[in-house]
C-alpha atoms as a PDB file:
ATOM      1  CA  MET A   1      67.007 114.114  77.453  1.00  0.00           C
ATOM      2  CA  THR A   2      68.643 116.108  74.681  1.00  0.00           C
ATOM      3  CA  ASP A   3      72.412 116.353  74.406  1.00  0.00           C
ATOM      4  CA  ALA A   4      72.247 120.063  75.290  1.00  0.00           C
ATOM      5  CA  ARG A   5      70.308 119.359  78.505  1.00  0.00           C
ATOM      6  CA  ARG A   6      72.584 116.429  79.351  1.00  0.00           C
ATOM      7  CA  PHE A   7      75.596 118.704  78.800  1.00  0.00           C
ATOM      8  CA  GLU A   8      74.118 121.350  81.117  1.00  0.00           C
ATOM      9  CA  ALA A   9      73.390 118.782  83.809  1.00  0.00           C
ATOM     10  CA  THR A  10      76.780 117.098  83.481  1.00  0.00           C
ATOM     11  CA  VAL A  11      79.353 119.795  82.703  1.00  0.00           C
ATOM     12  CA  LEU A  12      77.995 123.047  84.144  1.00  0.00           C
ATOM     13  CA  PRO A  13      78.367 121.847  87.772  1.00  0.00           C
ATOM     14  CA  LEU A  14      82.078 121.310  87.017  1.00  0.00           C
ATOM     15  CA  LEU A  15      82.772 124.920  86.026  1.00  0.00           C
ATOM     16  CA  ASP A  16      84.008 125.946  89.494  1.00  0.00           C
ATOM     17  CA  ALA A  17      86.597 123.152  89.459  1.00  0.00           C
ATOM     18  CA  ALA A  18      87.509 124.096  85.890  1.00  0.00           C
ATOM     19  CA  HIS A  19      88.036 127.751  86.832  1.00  0.00           C
ATOM     20  CA  ASN A  20      90.084 126.731  89.863  1.00  0.00           C
ATOM     21  CA  LEU A  21      92.379 124.519  87.796  1.00  0.00           C
ATOM     22  CA  ALA A  22      92.728 127.158  85.080  1.00  0.00           C
ATOM     23  CA  ARG A  23      93.585 129.879  87.630  1.00  0.00           C
ATOM     24  CA  TRP A  24      96.292 127.688  89.172  1.00  0.00           C
ATOM     25  CA  LEU A  25      97.782 126.818  85.813  1.00  0.00           C
ATOM     26  CA  LEU A  26      97.516 130.220  84.107  1.00  0.00           C
ATOM     27  CA  ARG A  27      97.645 132.777  86.972  1.00  0.00           C
ATOM     28  CA  ASP A  28      95.577 135.188  84.955  1.00  0.00           C
ATOM     29  CA  ALA A  29      91.839 135.543  85.550  1.00  0.00           C
ATOM     30  CA  ALA A  30      91.081 136.627  81.993  1.00  0.00           C
ATOM     31  CA  ALA A  31      93.223 133.872  80.472  1.00  0.00           C
ATOM     32  CA  ALA A  32      91.597 131.335  82.808  1.00  0.00           C
ATOM     33  CA  GLU A  33      88.131 132.500  81.721  1.00  0.00           C
ATOM     34  CA  ASP A  34      89.152 132.180  78.079  1.00  0.00           C
ATOM     35  CA  ALA A  35      90.614 128.708  78.620  1.00  0.00           C
ATOM     36  CA  VAL A  36      87.508 127.467  80.443  1.00  0.00           C
ATOM     37  CA  GLN A  37      85.274 128.932  77.752  1.00  0.00           C
ATOM     38  CA  GLU A  38      87.365 127.240  75.045  1.00  0.00           C
ATOM     39  CA  ALA A  39      87.266 123.981  77.005  1.00  0.00           C
ATOM     40  CA  ALA A  40      83.493 124.200  77.407  1.00  0.00           C
ATOM     41  CA  LEU A  41      83.094 124.711  73.661  1.00  0.00           C
ATOM     42  CA  ARG A  42      85.340 121.727  72.931  1.00  0.00           C
ATOM     43  CA  ALA A  43      83.496 119.636  75.505  1.00  0.00           C
ATOM     44  CA  PHE A  44      80.142 120.521  73.956  1.00  0.00           C
ATOM     45  CA  ARG A  45      81.448 119.736  70.482  1.00  0.00           C
ATOM     46  CA  TYR A  46      82.654 116.276  71.557  1.00  0.00           C
ATOM     47  CA  PHE A  47      80.075 115.602  74.279  1.00  0.00           C
ATOM     48  CA  ALA A  48      78.481 112.758  72.343  1.00  0.00           C
ATOM     49  CA  ALA A  49      81.762 110.839  72.737  1.00  0.00           C
ATOM     50  CA  LEU A  50      81.321 110.809  76.535  1.00  0.00           C
ATOM     51  CA  ARG A  51      79.569 107.598  77.518  1.00  0.00           C
ATOM     52  CA  ALA A  52      76.473 108.039  79.672  1.00  0.00           C
ATOM     53  CA  ASN A  53      77.990 106.151  82.634  1.00  0.00           C
ATOM     54  CA  GLU A  54      81.471 107.722  82.341  1.00  0.00           C
ATOM     55  CA  ASP A  55      82.609 110.224  84.992  1.00  0.00           C
ATOM     56  CA  ALA A  56      82.605 113.629  83.307  1.00  0.00           C
ATOM     57  CA  ARG A  57      84.872 115.335  85.868  1.00  0.00           C
ATOM     58  CA  PRO A  58      88.235 113.895  84.724  1.00  0.00           C
ATOM     59  CA  TRP A  59      87.105 114.077  81.100  1.00  0.00           C
ATOM     60  CA  PHE A  60      86.230 117.789  81.340  1.00  0.00           C
ATOM     61  CA  LEU A  61      89.199 118.765  83.538  1.00  0.00           C
ATOM     62  CA  GLY A  62      91.454 117.056  80.996  1.00  0.00           C
ATOM     63  CA  ILE A  63      89.990 119.300  78.314  1.00  0.00           C
ATOM     64  CA  VAL A  64      90.503 122.338  80.582  1.00  0.00           C
ATOM     65  CA  ARG A  65      94.110 121.293  81.231  1.00  0.00           C
ATOM     66  CA  ASN A  66      94.782 120.974  77.512  1.00  0.00           C
ATOM     67  CA  ALA A  67      93.175 124.365  76.833  1.00  0.00           C
ATOM     68  CA  CYS A  68      95.423 125.920  79.500  1.00  0.00           C
ATOM     69  CA  PHE A  69      98.576 124.385  78.066  1.00  0.00           C
ATOM     70  CA  THR A  70      97.527 125.478  74.586  1.00  0.00           C
ATOM     71  CA  ALA A  71      97.107 129.040  75.902  1.00  0.00           C
ATOM     72  CA  LEU A  72     100.540 128.875  77.537  1.00  0.00           C
ATOM     73  CA  ALA A  73     102.133 127.560  74.359  1.00  0.00           C
ATOM     74  CA  ARG A  74     100.628 130.482  72.436  1.00  0.00           C
ATOM     75  CA  GLU A  75     102.068 132.908  74.936  1.00  0.00           C
ATOM     76  CA  ARG A  76     105.765 132.130  74.478  1.00  0.00           C
ATOM     77  CA  GLY A  77     106.799 134.977  76.793  1.00  0.00           C
ATOM     78  CA  ARG A  78     105.806 132.842  79.766  1.00  0.00           C
ATOM     79  CA  ALA A  79     108.225 130.010  80.338  1.00  0.00           C
ATOM     80  CA  ASP A  80     106.413 128.461  83.275  1.00  0.00           C
ATOM     81  CA  VAL A  81     102.943 127.768  84.595  1.00  0.00           C
ATOM     82  CA  ALA A  82     102.057 130.027  87.525  1.00  0.00           C
ATOM     83  CA  LEU A  83      99.864 129.987  90.604  1.00  0.00           C
ATOM     84  CA  LEU A  84      97.350 132.276  92.250  1.00  0.00           C
ATOM     85  CA  ASP A  85      98.201 135.952  92.289  1.00  0.00           C
ATOM     86  CA  GLU A  86      97.201 138.493  94.961  1.00  0.00           C
ATOM     87  CA  ASP A  87      93.651 138.784  93.592  1.00  0.00           C
ATOM     88  CA  GLY A  88      93.283 135.016  93.530  1.00  0.00           C
ATOM     89  CA  TRP A  89      94.144 134.698  97.220  1.00  0.00           C
ATOM     90  CA  GLU A  90      91.748 137.531  98.068  1.00  0.00           C
ATOM     91  CA  GLN A  91      88.956 135.797  96.162  1.00  0.00           C
ATOM     92  CA  LEU A  92      89.667 132.551  98.002  1.00  0.00           C
ATOM     93  CA  GLU A  93      89.658 134.395 101.318  1.00  0.00           C
ATOM     94  CA  ALA A  94      86.367 136.107 100.435  1.00  0.00           C
ATOM     95  CA  ARG A  95      84.746 132.706  99.824  1.00  0.00           C
ATOM     96  CA  SER A  96      86.017 131.341 103.130  1.00  0.00           C
ATOM     97  CA  PRO A  97      83.034 130.163 105.215  1.00  0.00           C
ATOM     98  CA  SER A  98      84.378 131.554 108.494  1.00  0.00           C
ATOM     99  CA  PRO A  99      86.624 134.617 108.350  1.00  0.00           C
ATOM    100  CA  LEU A 100      89.304 134.832 111.001  1.00  0.00           C
ATOM    101  CA  PRO A 101      88.139 137.134 113.799  1.00  0.00           C
ATOM    102  CA  ASP A 102      91.607 137.955 115.120  1.00  0.00           C
ATOM    103  CA  PRO A 103      93.764 140.315 112.994  1.00  0.00           C
ATOM    104  CA  LEU A 104      96.958 138.573 114.173  1.00  0.00           C
ATOM    105  CA  ALA A 105      95.522 135.203 113.191  1.00  0.00           C
ATOM    106  CA  ALA A 106      94.542 136.647 109.819  1.00  0.00           C
ATOM    107  CA  LEU A 107      98.070 137.988 109.336  1.00  0.00           C
ATOM    108  CA  GLY A 108      99.541 134.589 110.222  1.00  0.00           C
ATOM    109  CA  ALA A 109      97.185 132.822 107.825  1.00  0.00           C
ATOM    110  CA  ARG A 110      98.072 135.271 105.056  1.00  0.00           C
ATOM    111  CA  ARG A 111     101.788 134.679 105.685  1.00  0.00           C
ATOM    112  CA  GLU A 112     101.184 130.934 105.449  1.00  0.00           C
ATOM    113  CA  GLN A 113      99.334 131.363 102.155  1.00  0.00           C
ATOM    114  CA  VAL A 114     102.190 133.398 100.722  1.00  0.00           C
ATOM    115  CA  LEU A 115     104.750 130.797 101.850  1.00  0.00           C
ATOM    116  CA  VAL A 116     102.714 127.902 100.443  1.00  0.00           C
ATOM    117  CA  ASP A 117     102.271 129.761  97.159  1.00  0.00           C
ATOM    118  CA  ALA A 118     106.020 130.436  96.987  1.00  0.00           C
ATOM    119  CA  ALA A 119     106.763 126.775  97.733  1.00  0.00           C
ATOM    120  CA  LEU A 120     104.348 125.666  95.012  1.00  0.00           C
ATOM    121  CA  ARG A 121     106.101 127.985  92.569  1.00  0.00           C
ATOM    122  CA  GLN A 122     109.301 126.001  93.125  1.00  0.00           C
ATOM    123  CA  LEU A 123     107.667 122.853  91.756  1.00  0.00           C
ATOM    124  CA  THR A 124     108.028 121.934  88.120  1.00  0.00           C
ATOM    125  CA  PRO A 125     104.782 122.305  86.130  1.00  0.00           C
ATOM    126  CA  PRO A 126     104.171 118.514  85.983  1.00  0.00           C
ATOM    127  CA  MET A 127     104.539 118.184  89.776  1.00  0.00           C
ATOM    128  CA  ARG A 128     102.439 121.305  90.385  1.00  0.00           C
ATOM    129  CA  GLU A 129      99.718 119.953  88.124  1.00  0.00           C
ATOM    130  CA  VAL A 130      99.328 116.668  90.015  1.00  0.00           C
ATOM    131  CA  ILE A 131      99.370 118.469  93.393  1.00  0.00           C
ATOM    132  CA  VAL A 132      96.583 120.833  92.284  1.00  0.00           C
ATOM    133  CA  LEU A 133      94.482 118.000  90.884  1.00  0.00           C
ATOM    134  CA  ARG A 134      94.965 115.811  93.964  1.00  0.00           C
ATOM    135  CA  GLU A 135      95.030 118.235  96.876  1.00  0.00           C
ATOM    136  CA  LEU A 136      92.772 121.023  95.619  1.00  0.00           C
ATOM    137  CA  GLU A 137      90.394 119.157  93.351  1.00  0.00           C
ATOM    138  CA  GLY A 138      90.426 115.913  95.334  1.00  0.00           C
ATOM    139  CA  LEU A 139      90.796 113.679  92.298  1.00  0.00           C
ATOM    140  CA  ASP A 140      91.986 110.114  92.686  1.00  0.00           C
ATOM    141  CA  TYR A 141      95.161 108.806  91.057  1.00  0.00           C
ATOM    142  CA  ARG A 142      93.279 107.138  88.207  1.00  0.00           C
ATOM    143  CA  ASP A 143      91.525 110.383  87.261  1.00  0.00           C
ATOM    144  CA  ILE A 144      94.751 112.393  87.485  1.00  0.00           C
ATOM    145  CA  ALA A 145      96.460 109.847  85.245  1.00  0.00           C
ATOM    146  CA  TYR A 146      93.615 110.153  82.756  1.00  0.00           C
ATOM    147  CA  ILE A 147      93.692 113.969  82.767  1.00  0.00           C
ATOM    148  CA  ALA A 148      97.485 114.272  82.517  1.00  0.00           C
ATOM    149  CA  GLY A 149      97.836 111.384  80.080  1.00  0.00           C
ATOM    150  CA  ILE A 150     100.405 109.577  82.236  1.00  0.00           C
ATOM    151  CA  PRO A 151     100.542 106.185  83.991  1.00  0.00           C
ATOM    152  CA  ILE A 152      99.247 105.927  87.565  1.00  0.00           C
ATOM    153  CA  GLY A 153     102.761 105.066  88.750  1.00  0.00           C
ATOM    154  CA  THR A 154     103.996 108.375  87.349  1.00  0.00           C
ATOM    155  CA  VAL A 155     101.203 110.209  89.177  1.00  0.00           C
ATOM    156  CA  MET A 156     102.250 108.518  92.412  1.00  0.00           C
ATOM    157  CA  SER A 157     105.943 109.306  91.973  1.00  0.00           C
ATOM    158  CA  ARG A 158     105.274 112.937  91.002  1.00  0.00           C
ATOM    159  CA  LEU A 159     103.007 113.394  94.016  1.00  0.00           C
ATOM    160  CA  SER A 160     105.605 111.852  96.299  1.00  0.00           C
ATOM    161  CA  ARG A 161     108.387 114.072  94.961  1.00  0.00           C
ATOM    162  CA  ALA A 162     106.157 117.157  94.992  1.00  0.00           C
ATOM    163  CA  ARG A 163     105.074 116.575  98.587  1.00  0.00           C
ATOM    164  CA  ALA A 164     108.669 116.016  99.693  1.00  0.00           C
ATOM    165  CA  GLN A 165     109.829 119.190  97.948  1.00  0.00           C
ATOM    166  CA  LEU A 166     106.919 121.197  99.394  1.00  0.00           C
ATOM    167  CA  LYS A 167     107.736 119.906 102.870  1.00  0.00           C
ATOM    168  CA  ARG A 168     111.399 120.939 102.484  1.00  0.00           C
ATOM    169  CA  GLU A 169     110.499 124.386 101.144  1.00  0.00           C
ATOM    170  CA  LEU A 170     107.969 125.029 103.911  1.00  0.00           C
ATOM    171  CA  GLN A 171     110.369 123.851 106.629  1.00  0.00           C
ATOM    172  CA  LEU A 172     113.055 126.178 105.256  1.00  0.00           C
ATOM    173  CA  ALA A 173     110.494 128.989 105.427  1.00  0.00           C
ATOM    174  CA  GLY A 174     109.803 128.205 109.074  1.00  0.00           C
ATOM    175  CA  LEU A 175     106.485 126.381 108.793  1.00  0.00           C
ATOM    176  CA  PRO A 176     106.038 123.081 110.638  1.00  0.00           C
END
């Protein structure tokens, strides 16, 4: 199999996860698209360095993460990494497998989403990053450590602190 075909088979299935991570980190659909495109180009350029038996998901998401932080560094006007905006929530709702039939239930779910988003905004970027990678992307601690370039113990402590802070914020907002 050629490198191009191997790249297609290995990296292209990861694009949804890459877009998700980029949207959470950049909060701008166009910037997220640009970051994922840049990451895909970098990944293709260095694809030969990926061993055949190595898991490509943490490798590629690490490249996406770096592309996002590079984009943020270029845009000095933004001091912080952001989360999903209104359009992002609507896109997530549109992809939901079973829409809520009851308008009151839908309103309650929307309120919860807004409160969770606000609570996530209170996290520092390093804590937000590990929460997104663990809870949304389902990565294990080892993969998060690889992507973020930090020890596993740091991943564990950041997750613990982030979860505790999220719990406090959500309780203050009236969520159980």
